[in-house]
Every structure is written in C-alpha cells, then in structure tokens.
Amino acid sequence: MFGNKKSEEVKSIIVTTTDYIVNREITNYLGVVSGSEAYKAVDGIHNQDVNFDEAYQKAVSRAMRRAVNNFNADAIVGLTTTITHTGVLQEVLVTVQGTCVSLN
C-alpha cells in the first residue's frame, strides 16, 4: 500500500473542489489526505499573491503525492483550503484537505 509512485502518476490524478467529477463514477472512498506549506508574510503586500500561490501549489502537490502513494487514489475530491496566521515569525500556513477516491 505504501510506496513511491512515479511522478507522472502523481501529476495525472484529478484534484477538484467539487464532490464529484463529471462523466466519471466514484467507485470507492479511500480516506482523507492533506498537505501544507508555510510562507513569510513580511515580503510586502505586492509579493503576497506570489507567496500564497507558491505555498498553495506545494501544499496541493504534497496532498497529491500522499493520495497516490498512501491510497493509490485516482483523484482528490472536495478539496478545501485553510489559511492560518501562525503568530510565529509572521508565517502564514496554507493547508489543503480532501477525500481520496477511486474512479471507474
């Protein structure tokens, strides 16, 4: 069950905020997966979009890798994003969470 899949397999899974995938049937709900990444909020307001985007992409990539490696999932549905100011060194934590599924 646990192992390292090729990066091509990780890139090929579907990630969506919806609870379904059009024209695909969810055959099995496998479990919940998450990923997170922190960034410094001290770079000035003009860099916040870039910093958030980079942190978000890293968090999603971590969740995707876990979905494939830990659950052998075809997709992550219901992806949510939480943004938290940690209060430590002006860091912002971006966390994503979703449900791993198998598709027909």
N, C-alpha and C. Protein backbone atom coordinates (compact mmCIF):
# COMPACT_ATOMS: atom_id res chain seq x y z
N MET A 1 0.82 -1.20 0.00
CA MET A 1 0.00 0.00 0.00
C MET A 1 0.86 1.25 0.00
N PHE A 2 1.89 1.30 0.82
CA PHE A 2 2.76 2.47 0.87
C PHE A 2 3.94 2.23 -0.06
N GLY A 3 4.29 3.24 -0.80
CA GLY A 3 5.40 3.15 -1.72
C GLY A 3 5.49 4.42 -2.51
N ASN A 4 6.52 4.56 -3.27
CA ASN A 4 6.70 5.77 -4.06
C ASN A 4 6.31 5.50 -5.51
N LYS A 5 5.29 6.19 -5.96
CA LYS A 5 4.85 6.09 -7.34
C LYS A 5 5.65 7.06 -8.18
N LYS A 6 5.65 6.83 -9.46
CA LYS A 6 6.33 7.74 -10.37
C LYS A 6 5.66 9.10 -10.34
N SER A 7 6.44 10.14 -10.57
CA SER A 7 5.88 11.50 -10.54
C SER A 7 4.83 11.69 -11.62
N GLU A 8 4.92 10.95 -12.73
CA GLU A 8 3.90 11.07 -13.79
C GLU A 8 2.54 10.63 -13.27
N GLU A 9 2.53 9.59 -12.42
CA GLU A 9 1.28 9.12 -11.85
C GLU A 9 0.68 10.15 -10.91
N VAL A 10 1.53 10.82 -10.14
CA VAL A 10 1.06 11.85 -9.22
C VAL A 10 0.45 13.00 -10.01
N LYS A 11 1.10 13.41 -11.09
CA LYS A 11 0.61 14.52 -11.90
C LYS A 11 -0.70 14.19 -12.60
N SER A 12 -0.98 12.90 -12.80
CA SER A 12 -2.16 12.53 -13.58
C SER A 12 -3.44 12.45 -12.75
N ILE A 13 -3.37 12.54 -11.43
CA ILE A 13 -4.61 12.44 -10.67
C ILE A 13 -5.39 13.75 -10.76
N ILE A 14 -6.68 13.63 -10.64
CA ILE A 14 -7.58 14.77 -10.71
C ILE A 14 -7.74 15.35 -9.31
N VAL A 15 -7.70 16.67 -9.22
CA VAL A 15 -7.94 17.36 -7.95
C VAL A 15 -9.03 18.39 -8.20
N THR A 16 -10.09 18.34 -7.39
CA THR A 16 -11.20 19.26 -7.59
C THR A 16 -11.82 19.67 -6.25
N THR A 17 -12.40 20.84 -6.24
CA THR A 17 -13.10 21.31 -5.03
C THR A 17 -14.52 20.77 -4.96
N THR A 18 -15.01 20.20 -6.05
CA THR A 18 -16.36 19.65 -6.06
C THR A 18 -16.35 18.25 -5.46
N ASP A 19 -17.54 17.73 -5.16
CA ASP A 19 -17.63 16.39 -4.58
C ASP A 19 -17.91 15.33 -5.63
N TYR A 20 -17.76 15.66 -6.90
CA TYR A 20 -17.96 14.73 -8.00
C TYR A 20 -17.05 15.13 -9.16
N ILE A 21 -16.94 14.23 -10.13
CA ILE A 21 -16.18 14.51 -11.34
C ILE A 21 -17.09 14.17 -12.51
N VAL A 22 -17.32 15.13 -13.37
CA VAL A 22 -18.24 14.96 -14.49
C VAL A 22 -17.80 13.79 -15.36
N ASN A 23 -18.77 12.96 -15.71
CA ASN A 23 -18.57 11.80 -16.58
C ASN A 23 -17.66 10.72 -15.98
N ARG A 24 -17.45 10.76 -14.69
CA ARG A 24 -16.66 9.72 -14.01
C ARG A 24 -17.45 9.27 -12.78
N GLU A 25 -17.36 7.98 -12.50
CA GLU A 25 -18.04 7.43 -11.34
C GLU A 25 -17.03 7.17 -10.22
N ILE A 26 -17.34 7.67 -9.03
CA ILE A 26 -16.52 7.37 -7.86
C ILE A 26 -16.90 5.98 -7.40
N THR A 27 -15.93 5.08 -7.39
CA THR A 27 -16.20 3.69 -7.03
C THR A 27 -15.82 3.36 -5.59
N ASN A 28 -14.93 4.18 -5.01
CA ASN A 28 -14.51 3.89 -3.64
C ASN A 28 -13.95 5.16 -3.00
N TYR A 29 -14.36 5.39 -1.77
CA TYR A 29 -13.80 6.48 -0.97
C TYR A 29 -12.69 5.89 -0.13
N LEU A 30 -11.48 6.39 -0.29
CA LEU A 30 -10.30 5.75 0.29
C LEU A 30 -9.82 6.37 1.60
N GLY A 31 -10.06 7.64 1.79
CA GLY A 31 -9.60 8.30 3.00
C GLY A 31 -9.33 9.77 2.77
N VAL A 32 -8.96 10.45 3.83
CA VAL A 32 -8.71 11.88 3.78
C VAL A 32 -7.21 12.12 3.67
N VAL A 33 -6.85 13.09 2.87
CA VAL A 33 -5.44 13.45 2.67
C VAL A 33 -5.30 14.97 2.83
N SER A 34 -4.12 15.39 3.28
CA SER A 34 -3.88 16.82 3.41
C SER A 34 -2.44 17.13 3.03
N GLY A 35 -2.19 18.41 2.85
CA GLY A 35 -0.85 18.91 2.59
C GLY A 35 -0.78 20.33 3.09
N SER A 36 0.40 20.78 3.48
CA SER A 36 0.52 22.16 3.96
C SER A 36 1.88 22.73 3.62
N GLU A 37 1.94 24.05 3.64
CA GLU A 37 3.18 24.78 3.38
C GLU A 37 3.04 26.16 4.03
N ALA A 38 4.14 26.65 4.59
CA ALA A 38 4.14 27.97 5.23
C ALA A 38 4.96 28.95 4.40
N TYR A 39 4.61 30.23 4.53
CA TYR A 39 5.42 31.28 3.91
C TYR A 39 5.45 32.49 4.82
N LYS A 40 6.44 33.32 4.64
CA LYS A 40 6.61 34.54 5.43
C LYS A 40 5.69 35.63 4.89
N ALA A 41 5.03 36.33 5.78
CA ALA A 41 4.12 37.40 5.38
C ALA A 41 4.81 38.76 5.46
N VAL A 42 6.13 38.80 5.48
CA VAL A 42 6.85 40.05 5.68
C VAL A 42 7.43 40.63 4.39
N ASP A 43 7.15 40.00 3.26
CA ASP A 43 7.73 40.43 1.99
C ASP A 43 7.03 41.64 1.38
N GLY A 44 6.03 42.16 2.01
CA GLY A 44 5.29 43.28 1.44
C GLY A 44 4.06 42.78 0.71
N ILE A 45 3.10 43.64 0.61
CA ILE A 45 1.80 43.26 0.04
C ILE A 45 1.91 42.85 -1.42
N HIS A 46 2.84 43.44 -2.16
CA HIS A 46 2.96 43.12 -3.58
C HIS A 46 3.43 41.69 -3.84
N ASN A 47 4.07 41.05 -2.88
CA ASN A 47 4.54 39.68 -3.05
C ASN A 47 3.59 38.64 -2.46
N GLN A 48 2.54 39.06 -1.80
CA GLN A 48 1.69 38.10 -1.12
C GLN A 48 0.98 37.14 -2.07
N ASP A 49 0.55 37.62 -3.23
CA ASP A 49 -0.08 36.73 -4.20
C ASP A 49 0.88 35.65 -4.66
N VAL A 50 2.10 36.05 -4.96
CA VAL A 50 3.11 35.09 -5.41
C VAL A 50 3.43 34.11 -4.30
N ASN A 51 3.64 34.61 -3.10
CA ASN A 51 3.95 33.74 -1.96
C ASN A 51 2.83 32.75 -1.69
N PHE A 52 1.58 33.24 -1.72
CA PHE A 52 0.45 32.34 -1.49
C PHE A 52 0.37 31.30 -2.59
N ASP A 53 0.49 31.72 -3.84
CA ASP A 53 0.40 30.77 -4.96
C ASP A 53 1.43 29.66 -4.84
N GLU A 54 2.66 30.03 -4.51
CA GLU A 54 3.72 29.02 -4.37
C GLU A 54 3.42 28.07 -3.22
N ALA A 55 2.99 28.61 -2.09
CA ALA A 55 2.66 27.77 -0.93
C ALA A 55 1.47 26.86 -1.25
N TYR A 56 0.46 27.40 -1.92
CA TYR A 56 -0.72 26.61 -2.28
C TYR A 56 -0.33 25.45 -3.20
N GLN A 57 0.47 25.74 -4.22
CA GLN A 57 0.88 24.69 -5.16
C GLN A 57 1.69 23.60 -4.45
N LYS A 58 2.56 23.98 -3.53
CA LYS A 58 3.34 22.99 -2.78
C LYS A 58 2.43 22.15 -1.89
N ALA A 59 1.45 22.78 -1.25
CA ALA A 59 0.52 22.05 -0.39
C ALA A 59 -0.30 21.05 -1.21
N VAL A 60 -0.79 21.47 -2.36
CA VAL A 60 -1.57 20.58 -3.23
C VAL A 60 -0.68 19.44 -3.74
N SER A 61 0.54 19.75 -4.11
CA SER A 61 1.46 18.71 -4.59
C SER A 61 1.71 17.66 -3.51
N ARG A 62 1.87 18.11 -2.27
CA ARG A 62 2.07 17.16 -1.16
C ARG A 62 0.85 16.28 -0.97
N ALA A 63 -0.34 16.88 -1.04
CA ALA A 63 -1.57 16.10 -0.89
C ALA A 63 -1.71 15.09 -2.03
N MET A 64 -1.38 15.51 -3.25
CA MET A 64 -1.46 14.60 -4.40
C MET A 64 -0.50 13.44 -4.24
N ARG A 65 0.72 13.72 -3.83
CA ARG A 65 1.72 12.67 -3.64
C ARG A 65 1.25 11.66 -2.58
N ARG A 66 0.69 12.19 -1.49
CA ARG A 66 0.18 11.29 -0.44
C ARG A 66 -1.01 10.48 -0.93
N ALA A 67 -1.87 11.10 -1.74
CA ALA A 67 -3.04 10.39 -2.26
C ALA A 67 -2.63 9.21 -3.12
N VAL A 68 -1.61 9.41 -3.93
CA VAL A 68 -1.15 8.32 -4.81
C VAL A 68 -0.35 7.30 -4.02
N ASN A 69 0.60 7.76 -3.23
CA ASN A 69 1.50 6.83 -2.52
C ASN A 69 0.81 6.07 -1.40
N ASN A 70 -0.05 6.74 -0.64
CA ASN A 70 -0.67 6.11 0.53
C ASN A 70 -1.99 5.42 0.22
N PHE A 71 -2.72 5.90 -0.79
CA PHE A 71 -4.05 5.37 -1.06
C PHE A 71 -4.22 4.81 -2.47
N ASN A 72 -3.22 5.00 -3.33
CA ASN A 72 -3.33 4.62 -4.74
C ASN A 72 -4.58 5.24 -5.36
N ALA A 73 -4.83 6.50 -5.04
CA ALA A 73 -6.04 7.20 -5.47
C ALA A 73 -5.95 7.65 -6.92
N ASP A 74 -7.11 7.77 -7.55
CA ASP A 74 -7.22 8.33 -8.90
C ASP A 74 -7.52 9.82 -8.86
N ALA A 75 -8.07 10.29 -7.72
CA ALA A 75 -8.47 11.70 -7.63
C ALA A 75 -8.60 12.11 -6.16
N ILE A 76 -8.60 13.42 -5.99
CA ILE A 76 -8.95 14.03 -4.70
C ILE A 76 -10.15 14.91 -4.96
N VAL A 77 -11.24 14.68 -4.24
CA VAL A 77 -12.45 15.49 -4.39
C VAL A 77 -12.70 16.28 -3.11
N GLY A 78 -13.50 17.33 -3.24
CA GLY A 78 -13.86 18.13 -2.08
C GLY A 78 -12.69 18.87 -1.45
N LEU A 79 -11.71 19.27 -2.26
CA LEU A 79 -10.53 19.95 -1.73
C LEU A 79 -10.91 21.29 -1.10
N THR A 80 -10.48 21.48 0.14
CA THR A 80 -10.69 22.75 0.83
C THR A 80 -9.33 23.36 1.16
N THR A 81 -9.33 24.66 1.35
CA THR A 81 -8.10 25.38 1.68
C THR A 81 -8.32 26.17 2.96
N THR A 82 -7.37 26.09 3.86
CA THR A 82 -7.40 26.87 5.09
C THR A 82 -6.12 27.70 5.16
N ILE A 83 -6.28 28.96 5.51
CA ILE A 83 -5.13 29.86 5.64
C ILE A 83 -5.10 30.32 7.09
N THR A 84 -3.95 30.11 7.75
CA THR A 84 -3.83 30.43 9.17
C THR A 84 -2.58 31.25 9.40
N HIS A 85 -2.73 32.35 10.13
CA HIS A 85 -1.56 33.11 10.57
C HIS A 85 -1.04 32.43 11.82
N THR A 86 0.20 31.95 11.79
CA THR A 86 0.71 31.15 12.89
C THR A 86 1.08 31.98 14.11
N GLY A 87 1.35 33.27 13.92
CA GLY A 87 1.79 34.10 15.03
C GLY A 87 3.27 33.94 15.33
N VAL A 88 3.93 33.06 14.60
CA VAL A 88 5.36 32.83 14.78
C VAL A 88 6.10 33.39 13.57
N LEU A 89 6.95 34.37 13.80
CA LEU A 89 7.78 34.94 12.73
C LEU A 89 6.96 35.39 11.52
N GLN A 90 5.76 35.83 11.75
CA GLN A 90 4.87 36.31 10.70
C GLN A 90 4.68 35.30 9.57
N GLU A 91 4.53 34.03 9.95
CA GLU A 91 4.29 32.99 8.96
C GLU A 91 2.80 32.81 8.72
N VAL A 92 2.50 32.43 7.49
CA VAL A 92 1.15 32.07 7.10
C VAL A 92 1.20 30.61 6.66
N LEU A 93 0.29 29.80 7.20
CA LEU A 93 0.24 28.38 6.88
C LEU A 93 -0.94 28.12 5.95
N VAL A 94 -0.65 27.52 4.81
CA VAL A 94 -1.68 27.15 3.84
C VAL A 94 -1.84 25.63 3.93
N THR A 95 -3.07 25.19 4.22
CA THR A 95 -3.35 23.76 4.34
C THR A 95 -4.49 23.40 3.40
N VAL A 96 -4.33 22.30 2.68
CA VAL A 96 -5.40 21.78 1.84
C VAL A 96 -5.78 20.40 2.35
N GLN A 97 -7.05 20.05 2.16
CA GLN A 97 -7.55 18.75 2.61
C GLN A 97 -8.64 18.29 1.68
N GLY A 98 -8.66 17.00 1.38
CA GLY A 98 -9.69 16.47 0.51
C GLY A 98 -9.83 14.97 0.70
N THR A 99 -10.76 14.38 -0.03
CA THR A 99 -11.05 12.96 0.06
C THR A 99 -10.46 12.24 -1.16
N CYS A 100 -9.67 11.21 -0.88
CA CYS A 100 -9.09 10.38 -1.93
C CYS A 100 -10.15 9.39 -2.43
N VAL A 101 -10.22 9.23 -3.75
CA VAL A 101 -11.22 8.32 -4.31
C VAL A 101 -10.62 7.51 -5.45
N SER A 102 -11.27 6.38 -5.73
CA SER A 102 -11.00 5.59 -6.92
C SER A 102 -12.11 5.92 -7.93
N LEU A 103 -11.74 5.93 -9.19
CA LEU A 103 -12.70 6.24 -10.25
C LEU A 103 -12.87 5.07 -11.19
N ASN A 104 -14.06 4.98 -11.77
CA ASN A 104 -14.34 3.96 -12.78
C ASN A 104 -14.04 4.56 -14.14
